[in-house]
């Protein structure tokens, strides 16, 4: 199953003005932090919420929408994979 999950950008690396394709961010998914490409969302910045699919942020969403999506994902157990990856250092 493919899943796009919302997360909050907690740090940003790279400069859009120089090379937007190499811009990345550390994104927190309810406590699990992963490195994500921000190439598709050059407008995304520190503190923004983004929808992430296979390591790429694909859109920016507001905090309310992110919280609602995370709650749905928790309800169906979709975040267990992220927790398992974190436990093994993935």
N, C-alpha and C. Protein backbone atom coordinates (compact mmCIF):
# COMPACT_ATOMS: atom_id res chain seq x y z
N UNK A 1 0.84 -1.16 0.00
CA UNK A 1 0.00 0.00 0.00
C UNK A 1 0.89 1.24 0.00
N UNK A 2 0.56 2.18 -0.82
CA UNK A 2 1.25 3.46 -0.83
C UNK A 2 0.48 4.45 0.03
N UNK A 3 1.21 5.23 0.77
CA UNK A 3 0.58 6.15 1.69
C UNK A 3 1.33 7.46 1.70
N UNK A 4 0.61 8.55 1.67
CA UNK A 4 1.19 9.88 1.83
C UNK A 4 0.84 10.35 3.23
N UNK A 5 1.84 10.78 3.99
CA UNK A 5 1.66 11.10 5.40
C UNK A 5 2.06 12.55 5.66
N UNK A 6 1.26 13.28 6.46
CA UNK A 6 1.64 14.65 6.79
C UNK A 6 2.68 14.69 7.90
N UNK A 7 3.55 15.67 7.82
CA UNK A 7 4.56 15.88 8.85
C UNK A 7 4.95 17.34 8.92
N UNK A 8 5.61 17.70 10.01
CA UNK A 8 6.03 19.08 10.23
C UNK A 8 7.51 19.23 9.95
N UNK A 9 7.87 20.23 9.17
CA UNK A 9 9.28 20.49 8.86
C UNK A 9 9.95 21.08 10.09
N UNK A 10 10.99 20.38 10.59
CA UNK A 10 11.69 20.84 11.78
C UNK A 10 13.07 21.42 11.47
N UNK A 11 13.57 21.19 10.26
CA UNK A 11 14.79 21.85 9.80
C UNK A 11 14.84 21.78 8.29
N UNK A 12 15.56 22.73 7.68
CA UNK A 12 15.68 22.82 6.23
C UNK A 12 17.15 22.96 5.87
N UNK A 13 17.57 22.23 4.83
CA UNK A 13 18.94 22.33 4.30
C UNK A 13 18.88 22.66 2.82
N UNK A 14 19.79 23.48 2.38
CA UNK A 14 19.83 23.87 0.98
C UNK A 14 19.17 25.21 0.76
N UNK A 15 19.36 25.75 -0.42
CA UNK A 15 18.87 27.08 -0.76
C UNK A 15 18.11 27.01 -2.08
N UNK A 16 16.84 27.37 -2.06
CA UNK A 16 16.01 27.34 -3.26
C UNK A 16 16.59 28.21 -4.36
N UNK A 17 17.17 29.34 -4.00
CA UNK A 17 17.73 30.26 -5.00
C UNK A 17 18.90 29.64 -5.75
N UNK A 18 19.62 28.74 -5.08
CA UNK A 18 20.80 28.12 -5.69
C UNK A 18 20.42 26.86 -6.45
N UNK A 19 19.72 25.93 -5.79
CA UNK A 19 19.38 24.65 -6.40
C UNK A 19 18.21 24.02 -5.65
N UNK A 20 17.00 24.25 -6.13
CA UNK A 20 15.81 23.75 -5.43
C UNK A 20 15.72 22.23 -5.44
N UNK A 21 16.39 21.57 -6.38
CA UNK A 21 16.31 20.11 -6.44
C UNK A 21 17.07 19.41 -5.31
N UNK A 22 18.05 20.08 -4.73
CA UNK A 22 18.82 19.45 -3.66
C UNK A 22 18.35 19.89 -2.27
N UNK A 23 17.30 20.68 -2.20
CA UNK A 23 16.78 21.18 -0.92
C UNK A 23 16.08 20.05 -0.17
N UNK A 24 16.44 19.86 1.09
CA UNK A 24 15.85 18.82 1.91
C UNK A 24 15.41 19.39 3.26
N UNK A 25 14.66 18.59 3.97
CA UNK A 25 14.25 18.98 5.31
C UNK A 25 14.10 17.77 6.19
N UNK A 26 14.22 17.98 7.48
CA UNK A 26 13.91 16.93 8.45
C UNK A 26 12.47 17.16 8.84
N UNK A 27 11.66 16.11 8.68
CA UNK A 27 10.22 16.20 8.90
C UNK A 27 9.82 15.26 10.02
N UNK A 28 9.04 15.78 10.97
CA UNK A 28 8.56 14.99 12.09
C UNK A 28 7.16 14.47 11.79
N UNK A 29 7.00 13.16 11.90
CA UNK A 29 5.72 12.50 11.72
C UNK A 29 5.25 12.01 13.08
N UNK A 30 4.72 12.92 13.88
CA UNK A 30 4.25 12.54 15.20
C UNK A 30 5.37 12.01 16.09
N UNK A 31 6.58 12.53 15.93
CA UNK A 31 7.70 12.13 16.76
C UNK A 31 8.78 11.35 16.02
N UNK A 32 8.44 10.72 14.91
CA UNK A 32 9.42 10.02 14.09
C UNK A 32 9.93 11.02 13.06
N UNK A 33 11.25 11.27 13.04
CA UNK A 33 11.83 12.29 12.16
C UNK A 33 12.59 11.62 11.02
N UNK A 34 12.29 12.06 9.80
CA UNK A 34 12.93 11.52 8.59
C UNK A 34 13.43 12.65 7.71
N UNK A 35 14.46 12.39 6.93
CA UNK A 35 14.97 13.33 5.93
C UNK A 35 14.10 13.20 4.68
N UNK A 36 13.65 14.35 4.15
CA UNK A 36 12.69 14.37 3.04
C UNK A 36 13.16 15.37 2.00
N UNK A 37 12.95 15.05 0.73
CA UNK A 37 13.23 16.00 -0.34
C UNK A 37 12.13 17.06 -0.38
N UNK A 38 12.54 18.33 -0.49
CA UNK A 38 11.60 19.44 -0.61
C UNK A 38 11.59 20.01 -2.03
N UNK A 39 12.13 19.26 -2.98
CA UNK A 39 12.26 19.73 -4.36
C UNK A 39 10.92 20.10 -4.99
N UNK A 40 9.85 19.39 -4.64
CA UNK A 40 8.54 19.64 -5.25
C UNK A 40 7.75 20.73 -4.56
N UNK A 41 8.24 21.21 -3.42
CA UNK A 41 7.53 22.25 -2.66
C UNK A 41 8.50 23.36 -2.27
N UNK A 42 8.99 24.13 -3.24
CA UNK A 42 9.98 25.17 -2.94
C UNK A 42 9.46 26.23 -1.98
N UNK A 43 8.13 26.35 -1.86
CA UNK A 43 7.54 27.34 -0.95
C UNK A 43 7.53 26.86 0.50
N UNK A 44 7.76 25.58 0.74
CA UNK A 44 7.72 25.02 2.10
C UNK A 44 8.89 25.56 2.92
N UNK A 45 8.63 25.83 4.20
CA UNK A 45 9.64 26.41 5.07
C UNK A 45 9.53 25.80 6.46
N UNK A 46 10.47 26.11 7.30
CA UNK A 46 10.52 25.64 8.68
C UNK A 46 9.18 25.89 9.37
N UNK A 47 8.65 24.84 10.00
CA UNK A 47 7.38 24.95 10.71
C UNK A 47 6.16 24.61 9.88
N UNK A 48 6.31 24.53 8.56
CA UNK A 48 5.19 24.17 7.70
C UNK A 48 4.90 22.68 7.80
N UNK A 49 3.67 22.33 7.47
CA UNK A 49 3.27 20.93 7.38
C UNK A 49 3.22 20.54 5.91
N UNK A 50 3.76 19.37 5.60
CA UNK A 50 3.79 18.88 4.23
C UNK A 50 3.27 17.45 4.17
N UNK A 51 2.73 17.09 3.02
CA UNK A 51 2.34 15.71 2.75
C UNK A 51 3.54 15.05 2.08
N UNK A 52 3.97 13.90 2.64
CA UNK A 52 5.16 13.21 2.15
C UNK A 52 4.79 11.85 1.58
N UNK A 53 5.31 11.57 0.40
CA UNK A 53 5.11 10.27 -0.26
C UNK A 53 6.45 9.79 -0.77
N UNK A 54 6.84 8.60 -0.38
CA UNK A 54 8.11 7.96 -0.75
C UNK A 54 9.31 8.90 -0.65
N UNK A 55 9.38 9.65 0.43
CA UNK A 55 10.54 10.50 0.69
C UNK A 55 10.50 11.88 0.06
N UNK A 56 9.41 12.22 -0.61
CA UNK A 56 9.27 13.53 -1.25
C UNK A 56 8.07 14.27 -0.67
N UNK A 57 8.27 15.50 -0.24
CA UNK A 57 7.15 16.35 0.14
C UNK A 57 6.45 16.72 -1.16
N UNK A 58 5.13 16.48 -1.22
CA UNK A 58 4.42 16.72 -2.48
C UNK A 58 3.43 17.87 -2.40
N UNK A 59 3.12 18.33 -1.19
CA UNK A 59 2.26 19.51 -1.04
C UNK A 59 2.37 20.05 0.38
N UNK A 60 2.01 21.32 0.52
CA UNK A 60 1.97 21.97 1.83
C UNK A 60 0.52 21.98 2.28
N UNK A 61 0.28 21.65 3.57
CA UNK A 61 -1.07 21.68 4.13
C UNK A 61 -1.05 22.48 5.42
N UNK A 62 -2.24 22.90 5.87
CA UNK A 62 -2.29 23.63 7.13
C UNK A 62 -2.26 22.64 8.30
N UNK A 63 -2.00 23.16 9.49
CA UNK A 63 -1.83 22.33 10.68
C UNK A 63 -3.08 21.50 10.98
N UNK A 64 -4.25 22.08 10.80
CA UNK A 64 -5.50 21.37 11.09
C UNK A 64 -5.66 20.15 10.18
N UNK A 65 -5.40 20.32 8.89
CA UNK A 65 -5.51 19.21 7.94
C UNK A 65 -4.47 18.13 8.26
N UNK A 66 -3.25 18.55 8.62
CA UNK A 66 -2.21 17.59 8.97
C UNK A 66 -2.61 16.78 10.19
N UNK A 67 -3.15 17.43 11.21
CA UNK A 67 -3.57 16.73 12.43
C UNK A 67 -4.69 15.74 12.13
N UNK A 68 -5.62 16.15 11.32
CA UNK A 68 -6.74 15.27 10.96
C UNK A 68 -6.24 14.04 10.20
N UNK A 69 -5.34 14.25 9.26
CA UNK A 69 -4.78 13.13 8.49
C UNK A 69 -3.97 12.19 9.36
N UNK A 70 -3.17 12.75 10.28
CA UNK A 70 -2.39 11.90 11.19
C UNK A 70 -3.30 11.06 12.07
N UNK A 71 -4.38 11.64 12.54
CA UNK A 71 -5.32 10.89 13.38
C UNK A 71 -5.94 9.74 12.60
N UNK A 72 -6.35 9.97 11.36
CA UNK A 72 -6.89 8.90 10.52
C UNK A 72 -5.86 7.80 10.31
N UNK A 73 -4.62 8.19 10.06
CA UNK A 73 -3.55 7.21 9.85
C UNK A 73 -3.32 6.38 11.10
N UNK A 74 -3.36 7.02 12.27
CA UNK A 74 -3.21 6.27 13.54
C UNK A 74 -4.36 5.28 13.72
N UNK A 75 -5.57 5.73 13.40
CA UNK A 75 -6.75 4.88 13.56
C UNK A 75 -6.66 3.60 12.73
N UNK A 76 -6.11 3.68 11.55
CA UNK A 76 -6.02 2.50 10.69
C UNK A 76 -4.69 1.76 10.85
N UNK A 77 -3.83 2.26 11.74
CA UNK A 77 -2.56 1.60 11.99
C UNK A 77 -1.50 1.84 10.94
N UNK A 78 -1.70 2.85 10.12
CA UNK A 78 -0.77 3.11 9.02
C UNK A 78 0.57 3.66 9.48
N UNK A 79 0.65 4.22 10.69
CA UNK A 79 1.91 4.79 11.16
C UNK A 79 2.80 3.77 11.84
N UNK A 80 2.31 2.55 12.01
CA UNK A 80 3.13 1.52 12.67
C UNK A 80 4.42 1.25 11.90
N UNK A 81 4.37 1.33 10.57
CA UNK A 81 5.57 1.12 9.77
C UNK A 81 6.64 2.16 10.08
N UNK A 82 6.25 3.42 10.25
CA UNK A 82 7.23 4.45 10.61
C UNK A 82 7.85 4.16 11.96
N UNK A 83 7.04 3.76 12.92
CA UNK A 83 7.55 3.44 14.26
C UNK A 83 8.49 2.26 14.22
N UNK A 84 8.16 1.24 13.43
CA UNK A 84 9.02 0.07 13.32
C UNK A 84 10.35 0.44 12.68
N UNK A 85 10.34 1.30 11.66
CA UNK A 85 11.58 1.74 11.03
C UNK A 85 12.45 2.49 12.02
N UNK A 86 11.85 3.35 12.82
CA UNK A 86 12.59 4.11 13.81
C UNK A 86 13.23 3.17 14.83
N UNK A 87 12.52 2.12 15.22
CA UNK A 87 13.02 1.18 16.23
C UNK A 87 14.27 0.44 15.74
N UNK A 88 14.35 0.21 14.41
CA UNK A 88 15.51 -0.51 13.87
C UNK A 88 16.53 0.43 13.24
N UNK A 89 16.32 1.73 13.41
CA UNK A 89 17.28 2.71 12.90
C UNK A 89 17.10 3.05 11.45
N UNK A 90 15.92 2.78 10.87
CA UNK A 90 15.66 3.03 9.43
C UNK A 90 15.40 4.40 9.20
